[in-house]
Amino acid sequence: MKYQIEHTNTFYYENFVDQSMNHIRLKPRTDECQRLLLYRTEIKPNSMTKEHIDLWGNHVETFFIPQKHEHLSVKTISTVSIQKSPFIRMIRCNDEMRSIFNSDLFHNHYLPYLNETPYTFMYKEQLEEINNLIGSSDDPIQFALDLMAYINQSIMYDGIATQVNTKAFEAWPLKAGVCQDYAHIMIAVLRSAGIPARYVSGYLYVGEDSALIGDAATHAWVEMMVPGIGWVGLDPTNNVEALEHHIRIGTGRDYADVSPLQGVYRGGGQNLDVKVSVTLLDH
């Protein structure tokens, strides 16, 4: 599957601002299942970017605008090819996988994805409530699939119920939220069960006559580490495995590690307009 993605963030400021320093994480990854074919950034006022790779392996572009400006537009155009086949529902945890999964070496290696973070914090009572309803399993894959289905059924997708800074423990009682909230809640429960899990930021291709939701802006889902297989993507917002319709930008412990655009400037308030378009170029 080949896609073209156009993503535009436009900031409108209440007054003229200056000395704007920004960091963007909008460049899709290249890995074993995904290949970035083309990428460019268009910034107005004009500015050059300087790129580096962060601690989590994400592309980060930095740019500085010294002059006064009333708005800032950051547009990225990407072409990405994805080849991935579903398989996770066919796998059952064998004795060798279980031995690795329960080892100290495995847990120590993936410790950053087992530790609690501000976004993924949930109260003990909340975690127990979910675990009791799902039931215990000695198969982490089946546990994750059951958890994904339960979260999907329990939370209503609502774009105004939560904010970008809403934490998992705040979203769960609301039983409503967006893909970011679904992902943080699922990560919290997986980690409480000793399953390494990370947050994924990217894009979702919905297409025509699709039941998938979450393509209005960047999408978010979860990856769990399966011994002997690697990181496996699960999308609790849609209760599906993250396959050829999911385009990965970055991964981290939670949203804070993969925020698409961060910046500071000298001036007043702002409003943000986001437009994302994902077009299928080739099957």
Protein backbone atom coordinates (compact mmCIF):
# COMPACT_ATOMS: atom_id res chain seq x y z
CA MET A 1 0.00 0.00 0.00
CA LYS A 2 1.37 3.42 -0.95
CA TYR A 3 0.04 6.62 0.58
CA GLN A 4 0.51 10.36 0.29
CA ILE A 5 0.00 12.35 3.47
CA GLU A 6 -0.44 16.11 3.67
CA HIS A 7 -0.47 17.52 7.19
CA THR A 8 -0.84 21.24 7.89
CA ASN A 9 -0.65 22.92 11.29
CA THR A 10 -1.52 26.62 11.24
CA PHE A 11 -1.12 28.79 14.33
CA TYR A 12 -3.04 32.07 14.45
CA TYR A 13 -1.72 34.47 17.09
CA GLU A 14 -3.73 37.13 18.92
CA ASN A 15 -0.88 39.62 18.43
CA PHE A 16 2.41 39.70 16.59
CA VAL A 17 4.90 37.23 18.07
CA ASP A 18 8.62 36.82 17.55
CA GLN A 19 11.56 34.60 18.46
CA SER A 20 9.62 31.43 17.75
CA MET A 21 11.54 28.18 18.38
CA ASN A 22 9.81 24.97 17.33
CA HIS A 23 10.34 21.21 17.24
CA ILE A 24 8.28 18.97 14.95
CA ARG A 25 7.95 15.17 14.86
CA LEU A 26 6.07 14.61 11.61
CA LYS A 27 8.49 12.60 9.48
CA PRO A 28 7.30 8.98 9.06
CA ARG A 29 9.72 6.19 9.92
CA THR A 30 11.45 3.67 7.70
CA ASP A 31 11.60 0.18 9.19
CA GLU A 32 11.05 -3.46 8.27
CA CYS A 33 7.38 -2.91 7.33
CA GLN A 34 7.30 0.75 6.28
CA ARG A 35 9.39 2.75 3.83
CA LEU A 36 9.48 6.53 3.54
CA LEU A 37 9.73 7.38 -0.16
CA LEU A 38 9.40 11.17 -0.08
CA TYR A 39 9.22 13.86 2.57
CA ARG A 40 9.38 17.63 2.58
CA THR A 41 8.50 20.44 4.95
CA GLU A 42 7.02 23.83 3.99
CA ILE A 43 7.19 26.49 6.71
CA LYS A 44 5.78 30.03 6.54
CA PRO A 45 7.34 32.40 7.47
CA ASN A 46 10.18 30.70 5.63
CA SER A 47 12.62 28.82 7.80
CA MET A 48 15.17 26.05 7.40
CA THR A 49 15.02 23.00 9.64
CA LYS A 50 17.78 21.10 11.39
CA GLU A 51 17.12 17.39 11.98
CA HIS A 52 18.25 14.94 14.65
CA ILE A 53 17.14 11.54 15.99
CA ASP A 54 15.87 11.57 19.56
CA LEU A 55 16.31 8.99 22.34
CA TRP A 56 13.36 6.93 21.07
CA GLY A 57 14.49 6.83 17.45
CA ASN A 58 12.12 9.53 16.18
CA HIS A 59 12.98 12.18 13.59
CA VAL A 60 12.92 15.66 15.15
CA GLU A 61 13.17 18.84 13.06
CA THR A 62 13.99 22.14 14.74
CA PHE A 63 13.51 25.61 13.30
CA PHE A 64 13.72 29.20 14.51
CA ILE A 65 11.81 32.26 13.28
CA PRO A 66 13.34 35.50 14.63
CA GLN A 67 11.08 38.05 12.90
CA LYS A 68 7.62 39.14 13.99
CA HIS A 69 4.71 37.17 12.52
CA GLU A 70 0.94 36.86 12.98
CA HIS A 71 0.65 33.23 11.98
CA LEU A 72 2.82 30.16 11.55
CA SER A 73 2.12 27.41 9.01
CA VAL A 74 3.90 24.06 9.07
CA LYS A 75 3.01 21.75 6.19
CA THR A 76 4.55 18.33 5.60
CA ILE A 77 4.08 16.14 2.55
CA SER A 78 5.04 12.47 2.78
CA THR A 79 4.86 9.43 0.53
CA VAL A 80 5.00 6.12 2.37
CA SER A 81 4.87 2.48 1.32
CA ILE A 82 3.63 -0.16 3.79
CA GLN A 83 3.68 -3.93 3.58
CA LYS A 84 2.35 -5.78 6.60
CA SER A 85 0.26 -8.91 7.03
CA PRO A 86 -1.97 -9.80 10.00
CA PHE A 87 -0.74 -12.60 12.21
CA ILE A 88 -1.01 -11.73 15.88
CA ARG A 89 -4.40 -13.40 16.44
CA MET A 90 -2.90 -16.69 15.22
CA ILE A 91 -0.08 -16.72 17.79
CA ARG A 92 -0.28 -18.36 21.18
CA CYS A 93 2.37 -17.96 23.83
CA ASN A 94 4.53 -21.12 24.00
CA ASP A 95 6.78 -22.18 26.87
CA GLU A 96 9.89 -20.59 25.35
CA MET A 97 8.15 -17.25 24.81
CA ARG A 98 6.69 -17.39 28.30
CA SER A 99 10.13 -18.09 29.80
CA ILE A 100 11.63 -15.06 28.04
CA PHE A 101 8.66 -12.88 28.91
CA ASN A 102 8.99 -13.68 32.63
CA SER A 103 12.77 -13.24 32.77
CA ASP A 104 14.53 -10.39 34.57
CA LEU A 105 16.69 -9.78 31.50
CA PHE A 106 13.59 -9.14 29.36
CA HIS A 107 12.01 -6.81 31.90
CA ASN A 108 15.21 -4.86 32.54
CA HIS A 109 15.79 -4.38 28.81
CA TYR A 110 12.32 -2.92 28.29
CA LEU A 111 12.08 -1.09 31.62
CA PRO A 112 11.26 2.33 30.05
CA TYR A 113 8.11 0.72 28.59
CA LEU A 114 7.11 -0.88 31.88
CA ASN A 115 7.43 2.17 34.11
CA GLU A 116 4.51 4.42 34.90
CA THR A 117 4.50 7.89 33.34
CA PRO A 118 2.33 10.95 34.07
CA TYR A 119 0.11 10.29 31.03
CA THR A 120 -0.27 6.56 31.74
CA PHE A 121 -0.89 6.79 35.49
CA MET A 122 -4.02 5.04 36.73
CA TYR A 123 -5.15 4.37 40.29
CA LYS A 124 -4.74 0.87 41.65
CA GLU A 125 -8.52 0.54 41.98
CA GLN A 126 -9.00 1.46 38.29
CA LEU A 127 -6.44 -1.11 37.17
CA GLU A 128 -7.99 -3.81 39.36
CA GLU A 129 -11.44 -3.01 37.99
CA ILE A 130 -10.30 -3.55 34.42
CA ASN A 131 -8.19 -6.64 35.19
CA ASN A 132 -11.04 -8.27 37.09
CA LEU A 133 -13.42 -7.77 34.18
CA ILE A 134 -10.97 -9.07 31.58
CA GLY A 135 -9.68 -11.99 33.62
CA SER A 136 -6.12 -13.23 34.04
CA SER A 137 -4.26 -15.05 31.29
CA ASP A 138 -0.84 -16.67 31.04
CA ASP A 139 -0.84 -15.64 27.36
CA PRO A 140 0.11 -11.92 27.11
CA ILE A 141 -1.01 -11.78 23.48
CA GLN A 142 -4.52 -12.98 24.28
CA PHE A 143 -4.63 -10.71 27.30
CA ALA A 144 -3.76 -7.71 25.10
CA LEU A 145 -6.39 -8.63 22.51
CA ASP A 146 -9.05 -9.02 25.22
CA LEU A 147 -7.98 -5.72 26.78
CA MET A 148 -8.13 -3.92 23.43
CA ALA A 149 -11.66 -5.17 22.81
CA TYR A 150 -12.79 -4.23 26.33
CA ILE A 151 -11.41 -0.68 26.11
CA ASN A 152 -12.95 -0.25 22.66
CA GLN A 153 -16.36 -1.29 23.98
CA SER A 154 -16.10 0.76 27.18
CA ILE A 155 -15.06 4.15 25.77
CA MET A 156 -17.07 6.33 23.41
CA TYR A 157 -15.06 8.28 20.85
CA ASP A 158 -15.68 11.96 21.65
CA GLY A 159 -13.46 14.75 20.38
CA ILE A 160 -14.45 17.24 23.07
CA ALA A 161 -14.59 15.04 26.18
CA THR A 162 -10.85 15.33 26.88
CA GLN A 163 -7.93 17.64 26.20
CA VAL A 164 -4.38 17.03 24.97
CA ASN A 165 -3.12 17.04 28.59
CA THR A 166 -5.74 14.57 29.90
CA LYS A 167 -4.19 11.62 31.76
CA ALA A 168 -5.34 7.98 31.68
CA PHE A 169 -6.76 8.09 35.22
CA GLU A 170 -8.86 11.13 34.24
CA ALA A 171 -10.14 9.72 30.94
CA TRP A 172 -11.22 6.31 32.27
CA PRO A 173 -14.06 7.57 34.54
CA LEU A 174 -15.41 9.67 31.66
CA LYS A 175 -15.71 6.57 29.45
CA ALA A 176 -15.11 8.97 26.55
CA GLY A 177 -12.15 10.44 24.73
CA VAL A 178 -10.00 10.29 21.62
CA CYS A 179 -7.35 7.89 20.34
CA GLN A 180 -4.74 9.37 22.69
CA ASP A 181 -6.89 8.41 25.68
CA TYR A 182 -7.61 4.90 24.39
CA ALA A 183 -3.87 4.36 23.93
CA HIS A 184 -2.81 5.71 27.33
CA ILE A 185 -5.38 3.58 29.16
CA MET A 186 -4.36 0.43 27.31
CA ILE A 187 -0.67 1.11 27.94
CA ALA A 188 -1.34 1.62 31.66
CA VAL A 189 -3.08 -1.74 32.00
CA LEU A 190 -0.51 -3.63 29.90
CA ARG A 191 2.36 -2.25 31.96
CA SER A 192 0.58 -3.09 35.21
CA ALA A 193 0.46 -6.68 33.93
CA GLY A 194 4.21 -6.65 33.22
CA ILE A 195 3.82 -6.32 29.44
CA PRO A 196 6.15 -3.76 27.78
CA ALA A 197 4.03 -1.28 25.85
CA ARG A 198 4.73 1.94 24.00
CA TYR A 199 2.76 4.81 22.48
CA VAL A 200 2.66 5.21 18.69
CA SER A 201 1.89 8.41 16.83
CA GLY A 202 1.02 8.29 13.15
CA TYR A 203 -1.68 8.53 10.53
CA LEU A 204 -4.67 6.33 9.73
CA TYR A 205 -6.05 5.69 6.26
CA VAL A 206 -9.82 5.28 6.46
CA GLY A 207 -10.89 5.34 2.82
CA GLU A 208 -14.46 4.87 1.65
CA ASP A 209 -17.07 2.76 3.43
CA SER A 210 -14.77 2.10 6.38
CA ALA A 211 -15.73 1.80 10.03
CA LEU A 212 -12.31 3.02 11.18
CA ILE A 213 -12.19 6.31 13.07
CA GLY A 214 -9.41 8.68 14.03
CA ASP A 215 -8.18 10.20 10.76
CA ALA A 216 -9.04 13.86 11.42
CA ALA A 217 -5.53 14.55 12.73
CA THR A 218 -2.63 12.38 13.81
CA HIS A 219 -3.75 9.00 15.12
CA ALA A 220 -2.46 7.09 18.16
CA TRP A 221 -2.26 3.41 19.01
CA VAL A 222 -0.24 0.94 21.09
CA GLU A 223 2.65 -1.43 20.45
CA MET A 224 3.40 -4.34 22.78
CA MET A 225 6.65 -6.30 22.84
CA VAL A 226 6.20 -9.99 22.06
CA PRO A 227 9.28 -12.18 22.74
CA GLY A 228 10.72 -13.63 19.55
CA ILE A 229 8.49 -11.48 17.35
CA GLY A 230 9.05 -7.83 18.24
CA TRP A 231 6.78 -4.82 18.58
CA VAL A 232 3.18 -5.57 17.59
CA GLY A 233 0.70 -2.73 16.93
CA LEU A 234 -2.81 -2.76 18.38
CA ASP A 235 -5.35 0.02 17.86
CA PRO A 236 -7.88 0.13 20.74
CA THR A 237 -9.80 3.02 19.17
CA ASN A 238 -10.85 0.66 16.37
CA ASN A 239 -10.23 -2.74 18.01
CA VAL A 240 -7.92 -3.82 15.17
CA GLU A 241 -4.32 -4.79 14.69
CA ALA A 242 -2.28 -1.87 13.33
CA LEU A 243 -1.50 -3.04 9.81
CA GLU A 244 -1.23 -1.52 6.34
CA HIS A 245 -3.69 1.31 7.12
CA HIS A 246 -1.56 2.60 10.02
CA ILE A 247 1.36 4.87 9.07
CA ARG A 248 3.93 5.24 11.86
CA ILE A 249 5.63 8.54 12.66
CA GLY A 250 7.11 8.00 16.10
CA THR A 251 7.07 5.93 19.27
CA GLY A 252 7.71 6.68 22.92
CA ARG A 253 6.60 6.07 26.48
CA ASP A 254 3.51 8.28 26.03
CA TYR A 255 2.22 11.28 24.10
CA ALA A 256 4.83 13.60 25.60
CA ASP A 257 7.62 11.74 23.77
CA VAL A 258 5.97 12.02 20.34
CA SER A 259 4.09 15.32 20.42
CA PRO A 260 3.85 16.40 16.74
CA LEU A 261 4.73 20.03 17.34
CA GLN A 262 6.24 21.78 20.34
CA GLY A 263 7.38 25.37 20.51
CA VAL A 264 7.96 28.53 22.48
CA TYR A 265 7.59 32.12 21.39
CA ARG A 266 7.36 35.64 22.77
CA GLY A 267 3.86 37.07 22.48
CA GLY A 268 0.18 36.47 23.26
CA GLY A 269 -2.32 33.64 22.87
CA GLN A 270 -2.91 31.41 19.86
CA ASN A 271 -5.40 29.23 18.02
CA LEU A 272 -4.42 26.10 16.12
CA ASP A 273 -6.00 24.72 12.95
CA VAL A 274 -5.03 21.17 11.90
CA LYS A 275 -5.70 19.56 8.51
CA VAL A 276 -4.65 16.02 7.62
CA SER A 277 -5.24 14.25 4.31
CA VAL A 278 -4.23 10.62 3.66
CA THR A 279 -4.57 9.51 0.03
CA LEU A 280 -4.16 5.98 -1.27
CA LEU A 281 -1.81 6.03 -4.28
CA ASP A 282 -1.36 2.32 -4.95
CA HIS A 283 -2.55 -1.00 -3.51
